[in-house]
Amino acid sequence: MRQPEPPDYGRVTRRELLKLAPVLGLGAFAVPSLQPHLVGRGLEFSDWAAARWFRSSHLAPTFPDAAVVSLDRFPLNSYLAHDPGVDLDAWALRVDGEVSSPGDYSLARIRALPRVEQNTRHVCVEGWDVIGNFAGARLSTLLALAGADTSARFLAFSCADDYYESLDMATALHPQSLLCYDMHGAALAREHGAPLRLILPTKIGYKSAKYLTSLTVTNVLERRGYWADQGYSWFYGL
């Protein structure tokens, strides 16, 4: 039996979406059994639309130093623990997948890449946001060093605390997407993701994974992300 083709949102007009909205709303609120399906399809459409609107030339706002919150007032959210006990001296980022130079990239090697510093807003899905000072190497710079195939669709990340995340390639190549190793003028503290974390000011906070251990360039995702696999938005652009 032929399998149904996936929906092509590109052929749906604005008028058709407006016509469907009341029906979807009625189904979601009046038929409880349909709610999970409708919510899931709504998230799929939201991610599709956000990805279509994403532009590498569109930068997240940056702020003066006076707007940066003090480090002791920067909230902490962690997956299992604020410190998973990474051996900082032995740490290296494993880079593999669709790259011409796979291998283990030490922190010293990553620190030797051109350094970028930015004051950007970190937005948490819980409803709070703060402005922080972050510095590190552009993710795109490491991808270039590793000879990544930038026509690949995704980057998949693993973390020392068993958290996991993934990004679309366009977000990975965005000039404000950082492999962050310094925060507020000092080396990243353990509780903030040492020795290396993502900083993605164009994304919701849970995409900025801490305690990075591996990066895989791929066209197929085995896992989308810890929160996305719990039913949250995967793309979640700001």
C-alpha atoms as a PDB file:
ATOM      1  CA  MET A   1       0.000   0.000   0.000  1.00  0.00           C
ATOM      2  CA  ARG A   2       1.332   3.409  -0.943  1.00  0.00           C
ATOM      3  CA  GLN A   3       2.163   5.544   2.063  1.00  0.00           C
ATOM      4  CA  PRO A   4       0.591   9.026   2.215  1.00  0.00           C
ATOM      5  CA  GLU A   5       2.926  11.858   1.318  1.00  0.00           C
ATOM      6  CA  PRO A   6       3.905  14.307   4.061  1.00  0.00           C
ATOM      7  CA  PRO A   7       2.021  17.604   4.058  1.00  0.00           C
ATOM      8  CA  ASP A   8       3.413  20.310   1.806  1.00  0.00           C
ATOM      9  CA  TYR A   9       2.776  23.504   3.748  1.00  0.00           C
ATOM     10  CA  GLY A  10       4.294  25.444   0.868  1.00  0.00           C
ATOM     11  CA  ARG A  11       1.112  24.832  -1.153  1.00  0.00           C
ATOM     12  CA  VAL A  12      -1.188  26.053   1.624  1.00  0.00           C
ATOM     13  CA  THR A  13      -2.338  29.618   1.092  1.00  0.00           C
ATOM     14  CA  ARG A  14      -2.971  32.165   3.816  1.00  0.00           C
ATOM     15  CA  ARG A  15      -6.681  32.115   2.965  1.00  0.00           C
ATOM     16  CA  GLU A  16      -6.796  28.327   3.385  1.00  0.00           C
ATOM     17  CA  LEU A  17      -5.053  28.563   6.751  1.00  0.00           C
ATOM     18  CA  LEU A  18      -7.589  31.127   7.929  1.00  0.00           C
ATOM     19  CA  LYS A  19     -10.401  28.833   6.850  1.00  0.00           C
ATOM     20  CA  LEU A  20      -8.867  25.927   8.761  1.00  0.00           C
ATOM     21  CA  ALA A  21      -8.171  27.827  11.973  1.00  0.00           C
ATOM     22  CA  PRO A  22     -11.721  27.626  13.439  1.00  0.00           C
ATOM     23  CA  VAL A  23     -11.942  23.921  12.628  1.00  0.00           C
ATOM     24  CA  LEU A  24      -8.607  23.199  14.287  1.00  0.00           C
ATOM     25  CA  GLY A  25      -9.546  25.260  17.293  1.00  0.00           C
ATOM     26  CA  LEU A  26     -12.864  23.431  17.670  1.00  0.00           C
ATOM     27  CA  GLY A  27     -11.146  20.065  17.364  1.00  0.00           C
ATOM     28  CA  ALA A  28      -8.531  20.943  19.949  1.00  0.00           C
ATOM     29  CA  PHE A  29     -10.977  22.124  22.570  1.00  0.00           C
ATOM     30  CA  ALA A  30     -14.058  20.021  21.845  1.00  0.00           C
ATOM     31  CA  VAL A  31     -12.491  16.612  21.083  1.00  0.00           C
ATOM     32  CA  PRO A  32      -9.922  15.743  23.773  1.00  0.00           C
ATOM     33  CA  SER A  33      -8.717  12.656  21.887  1.00  0.00           C
ATOM     34  CA  LEU A  34      -7.581  14.895  19.028  1.00  0.00           C
ATOM     35  CA  GLN A  35      -5.639  17.322  21.176  1.00  0.00           C
ATOM     36  CA  PRO A  36      -2.222  15.541  21.130  1.00  0.00           C
ATOM     37  CA  HIS A  37      -2.363  15.114  17.347  1.00  0.00           C
ATOM     38  CA  LEU A  38      -3.420  18.705  16.711  1.00  0.00           C
ATOM     39  CA  VAL A  39      -0.831  20.099  19.103  1.00  0.00           C
ATOM     40  CA  GLY A  40       1.850  17.997  17.409  1.00  0.00           C
ATOM     41  CA  ARG A  41       0.822  19.161  13.951  1.00  0.00           C
ATOM     42  CA  GLY A  42       0.725  22.725  15.218  1.00  0.00           C
ATOM     43  CA  LEU A  43       4.309  22.431  16.460  1.00  0.00           C
ATOM     44  CA  GLU A  44       5.369  20.921  13.120  1.00  0.00           C
ATOM     45  CA  PHE A  45       3.838  23.846  11.265  1.00  0.00           C
ATOM     46  CA  SER A  46       5.361  26.363  13.672  1.00  0.00           C
ATOM     47  CA  ASP A  47       8.829  24.860  13.208  1.00  0.00           C
ATOM     48  CA  TRP A  48       8.390  24.758   9.428  1.00  0.00           C
ATOM     49  CA  ALA A  49       7.291  28.401   9.300  1.00  0.00           C
ATOM     50  CA  ALA A  50      10.058  29.576  11.654  1.00  0.00           C
ATOM     51  CA  ALA A  51      12.690  27.807   9.565  1.00  0.00           C
ATOM     52  CA  ARG A  52      11.357  29.420   6.380  1.00  0.00           C
ATOM     53  CA  TRP A  53      11.528  32.888   7.948  1.00  0.00           C
ATOM     54  CA  PHE A  54      15.006  32.419   9.446  1.00  0.00           C
ATOM     55  CA  ARG A  55      17.694  34.606   7.863  1.00  0.00           C
ATOM     56  CA  SER A  56      21.417  34.486   8.635  1.00  0.00           C
ATOM     57  CA  SER A  57      21.556  38.247   8.054  1.00  0.00           C
ATOM     58  CA  HIS A  58      19.022  38.885  10.812  1.00  0.00           C
ATOM     59  CA  LEU A  59      20.914  39.396  14.075  1.00  0.00           C
ATOM     60  CA  ALA A  60      19.590  39.090  17.591  1.00  0.00           C
ATOM     61  CA  PRO A  61      19.814  42.350  19.590  1.00  0.00           C
ATOM     62  CA  THR A  62      23.090  43.115  21.344  1.00  0.00           C
ATOM     63  CA  PHE A  63      23.437  45.294  24.419  1.00  0.00           C
ATOM     64  CA  PRO A  64      25.934  47.609  26.146  1.00  0.00           C
ATOM     65  CA  ASP A  65      28.016  46.293  29.048  1.00  0.00           C
ATOM     66  CA  ALA A  66      25.863  48.262  31.486  1.00  0.00           C
ATOM     67  CA  ALA A  67      22.872  46.066  30.614  1.00  0.00           C
ATOM     68  CA  VAL A  68      24.637  42.778  31.461  1.00  0.00           C
ATOM     69  CA  VAL A  69      23.300  41.116  34.605  1.00  0.00           C
ATOM     70  CA  SER A  70      25.849  40.217  37.277  1.00  0.00           C
ATOM     71  CA  LEU A  71      26.942  36.585  37.215  1.00  0.00           C
ATOM     72  CA  ASP A  72      25.423  35.852  40.626  1.00  0.00           C
ATOM     73  CA  ARG A  73      22.028  36.941  39.268  1.00  0.00           C
ATOM     74  CA  PHE A  74      22.204  34.771  36.156  1.00  0.00           C
ATOM     75  CA  PRO A  75      19.724  31.916  36.818  1.00  0.00           C
ATOM     76  CA  LEU A  76      20.896  28.334  36.614  1.00  0.00           C
ATOM     77  CA  ASN A  77      18.964  25.590  34.882  1.00  0.00           C
ATOM     78  CA  SER A  78      20.531  22.165  34.560  1.00  0.00           C
ATOM     79  CA  TYR A  79      19.401  18.795  33.269  1.00  0.00           C
ATOM     80  CA  LEU A  80      20.744  16.425  35.949  1.00  0.00           C
ATOM     81  CA  ALA A  81      23.176  18.477  38.020  1.00  0.00           C
ATOM     82  CA  HIS A  82      24.908  21.850  37.976  1.00  0.00           C
ATOM     83  CA  ASP A  83      28.246  20.018  37.637  1.00  0.00           C
ATOM     84  CA  PRO A  84      28.452  16.602  35.951  1.00  0.00           C
ATOM     85  CA  GLY A  85      32.132  16.335  36.909  1.00  0.00           C
ATOM     86  CA  VAL A  86      33.825  16.908  33.559  1.00  0.00           C
ATOM     87  CA  ASP A  87      37.591  16.290  33.613  1.00  0.00           C
ATOM     88  CA  LEU A  88      38.555  19.691  32.245  1.00  0.00           C
ATOM     89  CA  ASP A  89      42.187  18.728  31.632  1.00  0.00           C
ATOM     90  CA  ALA A  90      41.315  15.699  29.504  1.00  0.00           C
ATOM     91  CA  TRP A  91      38.273  17.173  27.775  1.00  0.00           C
ATOM     92  CA  ALA A  92      37.988  17.398  23.983  1.00  0.00           C
ATOM     93  CA  LEU A  93      35.072  17.902  21.613  1.00  0.00           C
ATOM     94  CA  ARG A  94      34.531  14.914  19.345  1.00  0.00           C
ATOM     95  CA  VAL A  95      33.620  16.104  15.819  1.00  0.00           C
ATOM     96  CA  ASP A  96      32.403  13.534  13.306  1.00  0.00           C
ATOM     97  CA  GLY A  97      29.824  12.757  10.650  1.00  0.00           C
ATOM     98  CA  GLU A  98      29.850  14.637   7.350  1.00  0.00           C
ATOM     99  CA  VAL A  99      33.259  16.260   7.888  1.00  0.00           C
ATOM    100  CA  SER A 100      36.586  15.814   6.116  1.00  0.00           C
ATOM    101  CA  SER A 101      38.656  16.186   9.305  1.00  0.00           C
ATOM    102  CA  PRO A 102      36.928  14.240  12.088  1.00  0.00           C
ATOM    103  CA  GLY A 103      38.625  13.947  15.436  1.00  0.00           C
ATOM    104  CA  ASP A 104      38.923  15.279  18.958  1.00  0.00           C
ATOM    105  CA  TYR A 105      39.261  19.058  19.135  1.00  0.00           C
ATOM    106  CA  SER A 106      40.873  20.253  22.359  1.00  0.00           C
ATOM    107  CA  LEU A 107      39.783  23.378  24.174  1.00  0.00           C
ATOM    108  CA  ALA A 108      43.145  24.962  23.356  1.00  0.00           C
ATOM    109  CA  ARG A 109      42.535  24.353  19.665  1.00  0.00           C
ATOM    110  CA  ILE A 110      39.063  25.869  19.887  1.00  0.00           C
ATOM    111  CA  ARG A 111      40.395  28.843  21.872  1.00  0.00           C
ATOM    112  CA  ALA A 112      42.957  29.421  19.111  1.00  0.00           C
ATOM    113  CA  LEU A 113      40.136  30.178  16.655  1.00  0.00           C
ATOM    114  CA  PRO A 114      39.066  33.825  16.190  1.00  0.00           C
ATOM    115  CA  ARG A 115      37.347  34.973  19.373  1.00  0.00           C
ATOM    116  CA  VAL A 116      33.919  36.608  19.285  1.00  0.00           C
ATOM    117  CA  GLU A 117      32.404  38.420  22.273  1.00  0.00           C
ATOM    118  CA  GLN A 118      28.776  39.499  22.480  1.00  0.00           C
ATOM    119  CA  ASN A 119      26.246  40.760  25.011  1.00  0.00           C
ATOM    120  CA  THR A 120      23.012  38.978  24.141  1.00  0.00           C
ATOM    121  CA  ARG A 121      19.759  37.968  25.769  1.00  0.00           C
ATOM    122  CA  HIS A 122      19.196  34.444  27.073  1.00  0.00           C
ATOM    123  CA  VAL A 123      15.471  33.624  26.991  1.00  0.00           C
ATOM    124  CA  CYS A 124      14.177  30.715  29.058  1.00  0.00           C
ATOM    125  CA  VAL A 125      11.008  28.826  28.171  1.00  0.00           C
ATOM    126  CA  GLU A 126       9.998  29.211  31.836  1.00  0.00           C
ATOM    127  CA  GLY A 127       9.361  32.904  31.236  1.00  0.00           C
ATOM    128  CA  TRP A 128      12.513  34.679  32.445  1.00  0.00           C
ATOM    129  CA  ASP A 129      15.299  36.284  30.429  1.00  0.00           C
ATOM    130  CA  VAL A 130      18.632  37.900  31.209  1.00  0.00           C
ATOM    131  CA  ILE A 131      21.376  39.656  29.283  1.00  0.00           C
ATOM    132  CA  GLY A 132      24.770  38.000  29.569  1.00  0.00           C
ATOM    133  CA  ASN A 133      28.283  38.477  28.271  1.00  0.00           C
ATOM    134  CA  PHE A 134      29.519  35.507  26.241  1.00  0.00           C
ATOM    135  CA  ALA A 135      32.683  34.829  24.267  1.00  0.00           C
ATOM    136  CA  GLY A 136      33.950  31.965  22.177  1.00  0.00           C
ATOM    137  CA  ALA A 137      34.438  30.747  18.634  1.00  0.00           C
ATOM    138  CA  ARG A 138      31.734  30.931  16.031  1.00  0.00           C
ATOM    139  CA  LEU A 139      30.269  27.496  15.445  1.00  0.00           C
ATOM    140  CA  SER A 140      30.670  28.156  11.725  1.00  0.00           C
ATOM    141  CA  THR A 141      34.434  28.636  12.212  1.00  0.00           C
ATOM    142  CA  LEU A 142      34.856  25.216  13.801  1.00  0.00           C
ATOM    143  CA  LEU A 143      32.736  23.664  11.067  1.00  0.00           C
ATOM    144  CA  ALA A 144      35.037  25.199   8.474  1.00  0.00           C
ATOM    145  CA  LEU A 145      38.105  23.915  10.327  1.00  0.00           C
ATOM    146  CA  ALA A 146      36.645  20.416  10.430  1.00  0.00           C
ATOM    147  CA  GLY A 147      35.724  20.534   6.741  1.00  0.00           C
ATOM    148  CA  ALA A 148      32.023  20.128   7.408  1.00  0.00           C
ATOM    149  CA  ASP A 149      29.646  19.571   4.516  1.00  0.00           C
ATOM    150  CA  THR A 150      27.407  22.595   5.056  1.00  0.00           C
ATOM    151  CA  SER A 151      24.832  21.170   2.672  1.00  0.00           C
ATOM    152  CA  ALA A 152      24.079  18.619   5.404  1.00  0.00           C
ATOM    153  CA  ARG A 153      20.860  19.347   7.251  1.00  0.00           C
ATOM    154  CA  PHE A 154      21.696  19.031  10.929  1.00  0.00           C
ATOM    155  CA  LEU A 155      24.187  19.167  13.756  1.00  0.00           C
ATOM    156  CA  ALA A 156      23.624  16.754  16.648  1.00  0.00           C
ATOM    157  CA  PHE A 157      25.209  17.414  20.056  1.00  0.00           C
ATOM    158  CA  SER A 158      25.843  15.164  23.050  1.00  0.00           C
ATOM    159  CA  CYS A 159      26.650  16.461  26.524  1.00  0.00           C
ATOM    160  CA  ALA A 160      28.472  15.202  29.615  1.00  0.00           C
ATOM    161  CA  ASP A 161      25.245  15.244  31.653  1.00  0.00           C
ATOM    162  CA  ASP A 162      23.427  13.031  29.065  1.00  0.00           C
ATOM    163  CA  TYR A 163      21.501  16.002  27.683  1.00  0.00           C
ATOM    164  CA  TYR A 164      21.317  16.148  23.894  1.00  0.00           C
ATOM    165  CA  GLU A 165      20.325  18.733  21.308  1.00  0.00           C
ATOM    166  CA  SER A 166      20.361  19.359  17.575  1.00  0.00           C
ATOM    167  CA  LEU A 167      20.360  22.336  15.229  1.00  0.00           C
ATOM    168  CA  ASP A 168      19.489  23.041  11.638  1.00  0.00           C
ATOM    169  CA  MET A 169      22.514  23.971   9.541  1.00  0.00           C
ATOM    170  CA  ALA A 170      21.327  27.544   8.920  1.00  0.00           C
ATOM    171  CA  THR A 171      21.300  28.243  12.664  1.00  0.00           C
ATOM    172  CA  ALA A 172      24.704  26.604  13.072  1.00  0.00           C
ATOM    173  CA  LEU A 173      26.144  28.962  10.440  1.00  0.00           C
ATOM    174  CA  HIS A 174      24.564  32.081  11.949  1.00  0.00           C
ATOM    175  CA  PRO A 175      27.296  34.576  12.953  1.00  0.00           C
ATOM    176  CA  GLN A 176      25.998  34.826  16.547  1.00  0.00           C
ATOM    177  CA  SER A 177      25.929  31.057  17.161  1.00  0.00           C
ATOM    178  CA  LEU A 178      28.864  30.466  19.498  1.00  0.00           C
ATOM    179  CA  LEU A 179      30.843  27.653  21.014  1.00  0.00           C
ATOM    180  CA  CYS A 180      31.143  29.563  24.274  1.00  0.00           C
ATOM    181  CA  TYR A 181      34.121  29.086  26.607  1.00  0.00           C
ATOM    182  CA  ASP A 182      34.146  32.467  28.432  1.00  0.00           C
ATOM    183  CA  MET A 183      31.315  34.159  30.291  1.00  0.00           C
ATOM    184  CA  HIS A 184      31.409  37.573  31.960  1.00  0.00           C
ATOM    185  CA  GLY A 185      35.122  37.973  31.306  1.00  0.00           C
ATOM    186  CA  ALA A 186      36.274  34.649  32.767  1.00  0.00           C
ATOM    187  CA  ALA A 187      36.452  30.997  31.776  1.00  0.00           C
ATOM    188  CA  LEU A 188      33.042  29.365  31.790  1.00  0.00           C
ATOM    189  CA  ALA A 189      32.156  28.196  35.290  1.00  0.00           C
ATOM    190  CA  ARG A 190      31.261  24.556  35.824  1.00  0.00           C
ATOM    191  CA  GLU A 191      27.662  25.350  36.708  1.00  0.00           C
ATOM    192  CA  HIS A 192      27.279  27.325  33.470  1.00  0.00           C
ATOM    193  CA  GLY A 193      28.474  24.481  31.250  1.00  0.00           C
ATOM    194  CA  ALA A 194      32.272  24.301  31.409  1.00  0.00           C
ATOM    195  CA  PRO A 195      34.331  23.848  29.459  1.00  0.00           C
ATOM    196  CA  LEU A 196      32.181  24.480  26.376  1.00  0.00           C
ATOM    197  CA  ARG A 197      28.532  25.218  25.717  1.00  0.00           C
ATOM    198  CA  LEU A 198      26.336  26.587  22.966  1.00  0.00           C
ATOM    199  CA  ILE A 199      25.150  30.182  22.989  1.00  0.00           C
ATOM    200  CA  LEU A 200      22.365  30.736  20.471  1.00  0.00           C
ATOM    201  CA  PRO A 201      20.734  34.163  20.858  1.00  0.00           C
ATOM    202  CA  THR A 202      18.360  33.441  17.961  1.00  0.00           C
ATOM    203  CA  LYS A 203      16.914  30.433  19.861  1.00  0.00           C
ATOM    204  CA  ILE A 204      15.064  29.626  23.067  1.00  0.00           C
ATOM    205  CA  GLY A 205      17.363  28.882  25.999  1.00  0.00           C
ATOM    206  CA  TYR A 206      17.050  25.103  26.115  1.00  0.00           C
ATOM    207  CA  LYS A 207      18.722  24.898  22.684  1.00  0.00           C
ATOM    208  CA  SER A 208      21.961  26.320  24.173  1.00  0.00           C
ATOM    209  CA  ALA A 209      23.224  22.988  25.476  1.00  0.00           C
ATOM    210  CA  LYS A 210      25.913  22.868  28.183  1.00  0.00           C
ATOM    211  CA  TYR A 211      28.863  20.507  28.801  1.00  0.00           C
ATOM    212  CA  LEU A 212      29.346  19.665  25.126  1.00  0.00           C
ATOM    213  CA  THR A 213      31.187  16.429  24.368  1.00  0.00           C
ATOM    214  CA  SER A 214      30.426  15.709  20.712  1.00  0.00           C
ATOM    215  CA  LEU A 215      29.198  17.318  17.508  1.00  0.00           C
ATOM    216  CA  THR A 216      27.964  15.266  14.558  1.00  0.00           C
ATOM    217  CA  VAL A 217      27.190  16.739  11.148  1.00  0.00           C
ATOM    218  CA  THR A 218      24.411  14.634   9.672  1.00  0.00           C
ATOM    219  CA  ASN A 219      21.411  14.414   7.372  1.00  0.00           C
ATOM    220  CA  VAL A 220      19.486  12.107   9.703  1.00  0.00           C
ATOM    221  CA  LEU A 221      18.611  12.793  13.340  1.00  0.00           C
ATOM    222  CA  GLU A 222      18.245   9.788  15.619  1.00  0.00           C
ATOM    223  CA  ARG A 223      17.178  12.148  18.403  1.00  0.00           C
ATOM    224  CA  ARG A 224      15.976  15.722  17.927  1.00  0.00           C
ATOM    225  CA  GLY A 225      16.658  17.150  21.381  1.00  0.00           C
ATOM    226  CA  TYR A 226      15.776  16.367  24.970  1.00  0.00           C
ATOM    227  CA  TRP A 227      12.901  18.847  25.183  1.00  0.00           C
ATOM    228  CA  ALA A 228      11.790  18.423  21.581  1.00  0.00           C
ATOM    229  CA  ASP A 229      11.436  14.691  22.253  1.00  0.00           C
ATOM    230  CA  GLN A 230       9.180  15.595  25.199  1.00  0.00           C
ATOM    231  CA  GLY A 231       6.828  17.484  22.888  1.00  0.00           C
ATOM    232  CA  TYR A 232       8.378  20.973  22.877  1.00  0.00           C
ATOM    233  CA  SER A 233       9.219  22.933  19.748  1.00  0.00           C
ATOM    234  CA  TRP A 234      12.391  21.801  17.980  1.00  0.00           C
ATOM    235  CA  PHE A 235      13.265  24.905  15.953  1.00  0.00           C
ATOM    236  CA  TYR A 236      12.014  27.495  18.488  1.00  0.00           C
ATOM    237  CA  GLY A 237      13.476  30.628  16.928  1.00  0.00           C
ATOM    238  CA  LEU A 238      13.161  33.990  18.652  1.00  0.00           C
END
